[in-house]
Protein backbone atom coordinates (compact mmCIF):
# COMPACT_ATOMS: atom_id res chain seq x y z
CA MET A 1 -17.05 13.53 37.90
CA LYS A 2 -18.54 16.98 37.41
CA GLU A 3 -22.00 17.36 35.95
CA LEU A 4 -22.04 18.15 32.23
CA ILE A 5 -24.59 19.92 30.06
CA ALA A 6 -27.28 17.51 28.86
CA ALA A 7 -26.58 17.87 25.13
CA LYS A 8 -23.98 19.35 22.82
CA LYS A 9 -23.62 19.20 19.05
CA LEU A 10 -20.82 20.86 17.11
CA THR A 11 -22.22 22.74 14.14
CA ASP A 12 -20.50 23.38 10.80
CA ILE A 13 -18.56 20.12 10.94
CA MET A 14 -19.00 18.00 7.83
CA PRO A 15 -17.96 14.50 6.66
CA PHE A 16 -14.90 14.47 4.39
CA ASN A 17 -15.72 12.53 1.21
CA GLU A 18 -13.43 14.16 -1.34
CA VAL A 19 -10.67 11.55 -1.51
CA TYR A 20 -9.54 8.51 0.47
CA TYR A 21 -6.21 8.96 2.23
CA LYS A 22 -4.43 5.96 3.82
CA ASP A 23 -7.16 4.88 6.24
CA CYS A 24 -10.36 5.93 7.99
CA PHE A 25 -8.52 7.89 10.69
CA TYR A 26 -7.64 10.58 8.17
CA ASN A 27 -11.18 10.95 6.86
CA CYS A 28 -12.14 11.71 10.46
CA LEU A 29 -9.15 13.99 10.98
CA PHE A 30 -9.79 15.99 7.79
CA SER A 31 -13.32 16.83 8.94
CA ILE A 32 -11.77 18.21 12.13
CA VAL A 33 -9.07 20.14 10.27
CA LYS A 34 -11.69 21.82 8.08
CA TYR A 35 -13.88 22.49 11.12
CA PHE A 36 -10.97 24.41 12.67
CA GLN A 37 -10.41 26.18 9.30
CA GLY A 38 -7.14 24.39 8.57
CA GLU A 39 -5.87 23.29 5.15
CA VAL A 40 -6.34 19.60 4.38
CA MET A 41 -4.12 19.96 1.30
CA ARG A 42 -1.07 20.14 3.55
CA PHE A 43 -1.54 16.45 4.31
CA PHE A 44 -1.71 15.56 0.62
CA LEU A 45 1.70 17.18 0.17
CA ASN A 46 3.21 15.25 3.06
CA ASP A 47 3.86 11.84 1.47
CA ILE A 48 5.83 10.33 -1.35
CA ILE A 49 4.00 7.27 -2.70
CA LEU A 50 6.19 4.29 -3.62
CA TYR A 51 5.83 0.65 -4.48
CA ARG A 52 7.48 -1.57 -1.84
CA HIS A 53 8.32 -5.24 -1.56
CA SER A 54 5.73 -6.93 0.64
CA PRO A 55 6.48 -10.62 1.42
CA TYR A 56 3.11 -11.08 3.15
CA CYS A 57 1.12 -10.02 0.09
CA TRP A 58 0.32 -12.48 -2.70
CA LEU A 59 1.51 -9.98 -5.31
CA GLN A 60 4.76 -9.51 -3.32
CA ALA A 61 4.47 -5.71 -3.52
CA ASP A 62 2.12 -2.92 -2.46
CA VAL A 63 2.02 0.87 -2.11
CA ASP A 64 3.76 2.69 0.70
CA TYR A 65 3.58 6.28 1.92
CA VAL A 66 6.89 7.91 2.90
CA LEU A 67 6.09 10.61 5.43
CA ILE A 68 7.76 14.01 5.07
CA GLN A 69 6.72 15.50 8.44
CA PRO A 70 4.89 14.08 11.49
CA VAL A 71 1.14 14.66 11.52
CA THR A 72 1.45 16.53 14.81
CA ARG A 73 3.77 19.04 13.12
CA LEU A 74 1.22 19.73 10.40
CA LEU A 75 -1.51 20.21 13.00
CA ASN A 76 0.76 22.46 15.07
CA ASP A 77 1.37 24.66 12.02
CA MET A 78 -2.41 25.18 11.85
CA SER A 79 -2.72 25.83 15.62
CA ILE A 80 -4.62 22.56 16.17
CA GLU A 81 -3.78 20.51 19.25
CA LEU A 82 -4.59 16.90 19.97
CA VAL A 83 -4.78 15.10 23.29
CA GLU A 84 -4.52 11.31 23.36
CA CYS A 85 -6.59 9.50 25.97
CA LYS A 86 -4.91 6.14 26.40
CA GLU A 87 -7.10 4.67 29.14
CA TYR A 88 -9.84 2.31 27.99
CA GLY A 89 -12.77 1.47 30.27
CA ASN A 90 -15.58 4.00 30.66
CA ILE A 91 -14.99 6.25 27.64
CA VAL A 92 -18.52 7.69 27.46
CA TYR A 93 -17.96 10.36 30.13
CA GLY A 94 -14.60 11.43 28.67
CA ILE A 95 -16.07 11.85 25.17
CA ARG A 96 -19.05 13.82 26.52
CA GLU A 97 -16.74 16.04 28.57
CA ALA A 98 -14.56 16.82 25.53
CA LEU A 99 -17.59 17.60 23.36
CA SER A 100 -19.07 19.83 26.08
CA LYS A 101 -15.91 21.95 25.71
CA GLY A 102 -16.26 22.11 21.92
CA MET A 103 -13.63 19.44 21.23
CA PRO A 104 -14.43 16.87 18.49
CA VAL A 105 -13.26 13.33 19.23
CA ILE A 106 -11.92 10.40 17.21
CA VAL A 107 -12.57 7.09 18.98
CA LYS A 108 -11.20 3.63 18.23
CA VAL A 109 -13.87 0.95 17.73
CA ASP A 110 -14.40 -2.56 16.45
CA CYS A 111 -16.98 -2.58 13.63
CA PHE A 112 -18.22 -5.98 14.83
CA TYR A 113 -20.27 -4.06 17.42
CA GLU A 114 -21.64 -1.28 15.17
CA PRO A 115 -25.29 -1.84 14.15
CA MET A 116 -24.98 0.75 11.36
CA ARG A 117 -22.28 -1.35 9.66
CA PRO A 118 -24.27 -4.18 8.00
CA ASP A 119 -21.13 -5.39 6.19
CA LEU A 120 -19.39 -6.25 9.47
CA TYR A 121 -21.87 -6.11 12.36
CA GLY A 122 -21.77 -9.38 14.23
CA THR A 123 -19.73 -11.09 11.50
CA GLU A 124 -16.20 -9.64 11.25
CA HIS A 125 -13.82 -7.81 13.57
CA LEU A 126 -12.23 -4.71 12.02
CA ASP A 127 -10.36 -1.87 13.72
CA HIS A 128 -11.95 1.43 12.83
CA ASN A 129 -12.17 5.14 13.73
CA LEU A 130 -15.31 7.16 14.42
CA LEU A 131 -15.56 10.94 14.49
CA VAL A 132 -17.88 11.93 17.34
CA TYR A 133 -19.24 15.49 17.14
CA GLY A 134 -22.22 15.56 19.48
CA TYR A 135 -24.16 13.87 22.27
CA ASP A 136 -27.63 13.89 23.81
CA ASP A 137 -28.14 12.52 27.30
CA SER A 138 -31.92 12.37 26.91
CA MET A 139 -31.52 9.99 23.95
CA GLN A 140 -28.31 8.39 25.28
CA THR A 141 -26.74 8.79 21.84
CA PHE A 142 -23.65 10.25 20.18
CA ASN A 143 -23.59 11.98 16.78
CA ILE A 144 -21.00 10.40 14.48
CA PHE A 145 -19.97 10.23 10.83
CA GLU A 146 -19.92 6.69 9.42
CA HIS A 147 -20.01 4.86 6.10
CA LYS A 148 -21.92 1.68 5.21
CA ASN A 149 -19.00 -0.50 4.13
CA LYS A 150 -15.21 -0.42 4.10
CA ASN A 151 -14.97 0.21 0.35
CA SER A 152 -17.26 3.24 0.49
CA LEU A 153 -16.20 6.88 0.72
CA ARG A 154 -19.70 8.10 1.54
CA TYR A 155 -19.54 9.14 5.17
CA LYS A 156 -22.76 10.59 6.51
CA PRO A 157 -24.29 11.58 9.86
CA GLU A 158 -25.45 8.73 12.09
CA THR A 159 -26.25 8.24 15.76
CA ILE A 160 -24.88 5.51 18.00
CA SER A 161 -25.99 4.73 21.54
CA TYR A 162 -23.70 5.26 24.51
CA ALA A 163 -23.91 1.51 25.17
CA CYS A 164 -22.93 0.60 21.59
CA ILE A 165 -19.92 2.90 21.42
CA GLN A 166 -18.74 1.61 24.79
CA GLU A 167 -19.13 -1.98 23.60
CA ALA A 168 -17.34 -1.18 20.34
CA SER A 169 -14.48 0.43 22.27
CA ASP A 170 -14.23 -2.54 24.64
CA GLY A 171 -14.25 -4.86 21.62
CA TYR A 172 -11.44 -2.87 20.01
CA TYR A 173 -9.36 -3.24 23.17
CA ARG A 174 -9.96 -6.99 23.32
CA HIS A 175 -9.15 -7.67 19.67
CA PHE A 176 -6.75 -4.86 18.73
CA GLY A 177 -5.29 -3.67 22.04
CA HIS A 178 -1.90 -5.01 20.95
CA LEU A 179 -1.71 -2.09 18.50
CA LYS A 180 -1.21 0.22 21.52
CA GLU A 181 -3.48 2.94 20.12
CA PRO A 182 -5.20 5.47 22.40
CA ALA A 183 -8.85 4.82 23.25
CA TYR A 184 -9.78 8.20 21.79
CA ILE A 185 -8.22 11.51 20.73
CA LYS A 186 -9.73 14.93 21.36
CA PHE A 187 -8.90 18.04 19.35
CA CYS A 188 -8.99 21.78 20.00
CA LYS A 189 -7.68 25.08 18.67
CA SER A 190 -4.44 26.10 20.34
CA ALA A 191 -4.98 28.70 23.03
CA CYS A 192 -1.32 29.18 23.90
CA ARG A 193 -0.21 31.05 20.81
CA GLU A 194 -1.71 33.56 18.47
CA GLU A 195 -3.44 32.42 15.31
CA LYS A 196 -1.10 32.62 12.37
CA ASN A 197 -0.35 30.83 9.15
CA LYS A 198 3.15 29.75 10.12
CA HIS A 199 3.87 27.95 6.87
CA PRO A 200 1.75 28.95 3.85
CA LEU A 201 0.58 26.22 1.50
CA LYS A 202 3.14 27.23 -1.13
CA ALA A 203 5.89 26.27 1.32
CA TYR A 204 4.41 22.76 1.52
CA VAL A 205 4.44 22.47 -2.27
CA SER A 206 8.12 23.46 -2.34
CA ARG A 207 8.93 21.08 0.52
CA TYR A 208 7.17 18.21 -1.25
CA ALA A 209 9.01 18.97 -4.51
CA ALA A 210 12.36 19.12 -2.72
CA ARG A 211 11.75 15.82 -0.90
CA TYR A 212 10.56 14.14 -4.11
CA LEU A 213 13.77 15.17 -5.85
CA GLU A 214 15.86 14.01 -2.88
CA ASN A 215 14.19 10.60 -3.10
CA ARG A 216 13.96 10.30 -6.89
CA ALA A 217 16.46 7.42 -6.96
CA GLU A 218 14.28 5.46 -4.52
CA VAL A 219 11.16 6.39 -6.48
CA ILE A 220 12.71 5.09 -9.69
CA LYS A 221 13.95 1.95 -7.94
CA SER A 222 10.41 1.29 -6.69
CA MET A 223 9.55 0.50 -10.33
CA GLU A 224 11.31 -2.83 -9.77
CA HIS A 225 8.65 -3.74 -7.20
CA LEU A 226 5.90 -2.65 -9.60
CA LEU A 227 7.37 -4.90 -12.31
CA SER A 228 7.50 -7.78 -9.83
CA MET A 229 3.87 -7.11 -8.91
CA LYS A 230 2.88 -6.99 -12.58
CA ASN A 231 4.58 -10.32 -13.30
CA ASN A 232 2.93 -12.00 -10.31
CA LEU A 233 -0.46 -10.60 -11.27
CA VAL A 234 -0.13 -11.67 -14.91
CA ASP A 235 0.93 -15.18 -13.84
CA THR A 236 -2.07 -15.39 -11.52
CA MET A 237 -4.53 -14.17 -14.15
CA GLN A 238 -3.23 -16.84 -16.53
CA ASN A 239 -3.81 -19.57 -13.92
CA ARG A 240 -7.52 -19.84 -13.09
CA GLU A 241 -6.92 -22.04 -10.07
CA LEU A 242 -4.59 -19.47 -8.50
CA LEU A 243 -6.91 -16.62 -9.44
CA GLU A 244 -9.84 -18.36 -7.80
CA GLN A 245 -7.78 -18.92 -4.66
CA HIS A 246 -6.36 -15.39 -4.31
CA ALA A 247 -8.97 -13.15 -5.98
CA ASP A 248 -10.17 -11.50 -2.75
CA GLU A 249 -6.66 -10.65 -1.60
CA ILE A 250 -5.74 -9.30 -5.03
CA LEU A 251 -8.89 -7.17 -5.18
CA GLU A 252 -8.04 -5.70 -1.77
CA SER A 253 -4.50 -4.87 -2.92
CA LEU A 254 -5.80 -3.25 -6.09
CA MET A 255 -8.22 -1.11 -4.05
CA GLU A 256 -5.27 0.22 -2.03
CA ILE A 257 -3.31 0.97 -5.21
CA ILE A 258 -6.26 2.77 -6.81
CA ALA A 259 -6.79 4.84 -3.65
CA ALA A 260 -3.10 5.84 -3.67
CA LYS A 261 -3.20 6.75 -7.35
CA LYS A 262 -6.37 8.81 -6.90
CA LEU A 263 -4.59 10.70 -4.13
CA GLU A 264 -1.64 11.23 -6.48
CA GLN A 265 -4.09 12.49 -9.10
CA TYR A 266 -5.74 14.86 -6.62
CA ARG A 267 -2.32 16.27 -5.74
CA ILE A 268 -1.13 16.58 -9.33
CA ASN A 269 -4.32 18.27 -10.53
CA SER A 270 -4.23 20.71 -7.61
CA PHE A 271 -0.58 21.76 -7.64
CA PHE A 272 1.24 20.74 -10.82
CA LYS A 273 -0.39 22.45 -13.77
CA ASN A 274 0.94 20.07 -16.41
CA LYS A 275 -1.56 18.68 -18.94
CA GLU A 276 0.64 15.74 -19.94
CA LEU A 277 1.13 14.80 -16.29
CA GLU A 278 -2.62 15.10 -15.62
CA ASP A 279 -3.40 12.89 -18.63
CA THR A 280 -0.81 10.31 -17.56
CA ILE A 281 -2.12 9.94 -14.00
CA GLN A 282 -5.66 9.66 -15.41
CA ASP A 283 -4.49 6.80 -17.64
CA ILE A 284 -2.91 5.13 -14.59
CA VAL A 285 -6.08 5.41 -12.50
CA ASN A 286 -8.16 4.12 -15.41
CA GLY A 287 -5.73 1.25 -16.00
CA TRP A 288 -5.70 -0.02 -12.42
CA THR A 289 -9.49 0.35 -12.26
CA PHE A 290 -9.89 -1.70 -15.43
CA VAL A 291 -7.67 -4.48 -14.06
CA ARG A 292 -9.65 -4.60 -10.83
CA LEU A 293 -13.00 -4.64 -12.65
CA SER A 294 -11.77 -7.49 -14.87
CA ILE A 295 -10.93 -9.61 -11.82
CA LEU A 296 -14.26 -8.67 -10.22
CA SER A 297 -15.97 -9.80 -13.39
CA TYR A 298 -14.16 -13.12 -13.18
CA LYS A 299 -15.05 -13.54 -9.50
CA TYR A 300 -18.75 -12.97 -10.16
CA SER A 301 -18.90 -14.90 -13.44
CA GLY A 302 -19.42 -12.04 -15.84
CA GLU A 303 -19.45 -12.36 -19.60
CA TYR A 304 -16.42 -12.51 -21.91
CA ILE A 305 -14.05 -13.47 -19.08
CA ASP A 306 -11.21 -14.69 -21.31
CA GLU A 307 -11.27 -11.49 -23.34
CA LYS A 308 -11.41 -9.28 -20.27
CA LEU A 309 -8.50 -11.01 -18.53
CA SER A 310 -6.46 -10.90 -21.74
CA ASN A 311 -7.16 -7.17 -22.05
CA ALA A 312 -6.28 -6.67 -18.39
CA ILE A 313 -2.88 -8.29 -18.98
CA SER A 314 -2.27 -5.89 -21.88
CA VAL A 315 -3.29 -2.95 -19.69
CA MET A 316 -0.83 -4.11 -17.01
CA GLU A 317 1.99 -3.95 -19.55
CA LYS A 318 1.03 -0.39 -20.49
CA LEU A 319 0.62 0.62 -16.84
CA CYS A 320 4.30 0.03 -16.12
CA GLY A 321 5.25 2.41 -18.92
CA ASP A 322 2.75 5.01 -17.74
CA GLU A 323 4.01 4.80 -14.16
CA ARG A 324 7.59 5.42 -15.28
CA LYS A 325 6.43 8.30 -17.48
CA MET A 326 4.64 9.84 -14.50
CA ILE A 327 7.83 9.69 -12.43
CA ASP A 328 9.81 11.52 -15.13
CA LEU A 329 7.09 14.17 -15.48
CA LEU A 330 6.86 14.62 -11.69
CA ILE A 331 10.62 15.08 -11.46
CA ASP A 332 10.44 17.79 -14.12
CA SER A 333 7.43 19.43 -12.44
CA SER A 334 9.20 19.33 -9.06
CA TYR A 335 12.17 21.24 -10.47
CA LYS A 336 9.76 23.87 -11.77
CA ALA A 337 7.98 24.08 -8.40
CA MET A 338 11.34 24.78 -6.77
CA ALA A 339 12.16 27.62 -9.16
């Protein structure tokens, strides 16, 4: 192993806290994309969000993201390269070496071994991604972005010791190695081709609109899974024993739905200048949030539980109509985007 400089910290790299997208890997990736002056919005135009049947979920349905292009293609269009390092073991040197060359790194860890994660440290195993953007041999620490709990979107700078990140990586391999993910991924600007905006953002808007229209039958059919979800949720809210038993799982599912709908809102407000569509997606986000807060209130014995659950059931009925209205408005807006 060659000797490396004693410390390196990438400047002008910031945590991405604007919107949650799929999972923590992307919040790390988006910081890197912005650091390399790429356009994060390309990713938000790269999925069609549907409701799918999910036999392993209590509600029997959840949200799904239908990819339009591989992530590597989007990065390639912005002249960003990634290199996967699949070997576990001593990752500390490899991360330091990448950073010494100006390459930010995303590393796979198990939160069970992260002292700065009080929600999970020493209590629960959870696969996670950390963005590493600096190191200091004198302190034996890495600079990372991390949040305090899995429901938070407030990533901020932290430090983690070499020993802790190694332990967290080893723990990931022991508990999640079956997922066959690389130990870490390093990123750099492409040196093999000239810098150019191969596909401007407008092309991504048109591509999204075209793919949405191609899949509109599937999008409309996904309403069947939403109706099934609504019926299962209403039945559960009307049965206190079932609600008590499945509240945590339902709350987790609703968090994923709200995150998907906030992404949809972010996309609509940014690219489809349609006031009725913007108002409709706002009603949808508000509706799902109200349902989740009503169940949270039940779980933690808030006041007026019967009234809140009854109102939540009414909101669920309206949500189905709003979701179908949004589909119709998005189809119309997609035709206009193609014009």
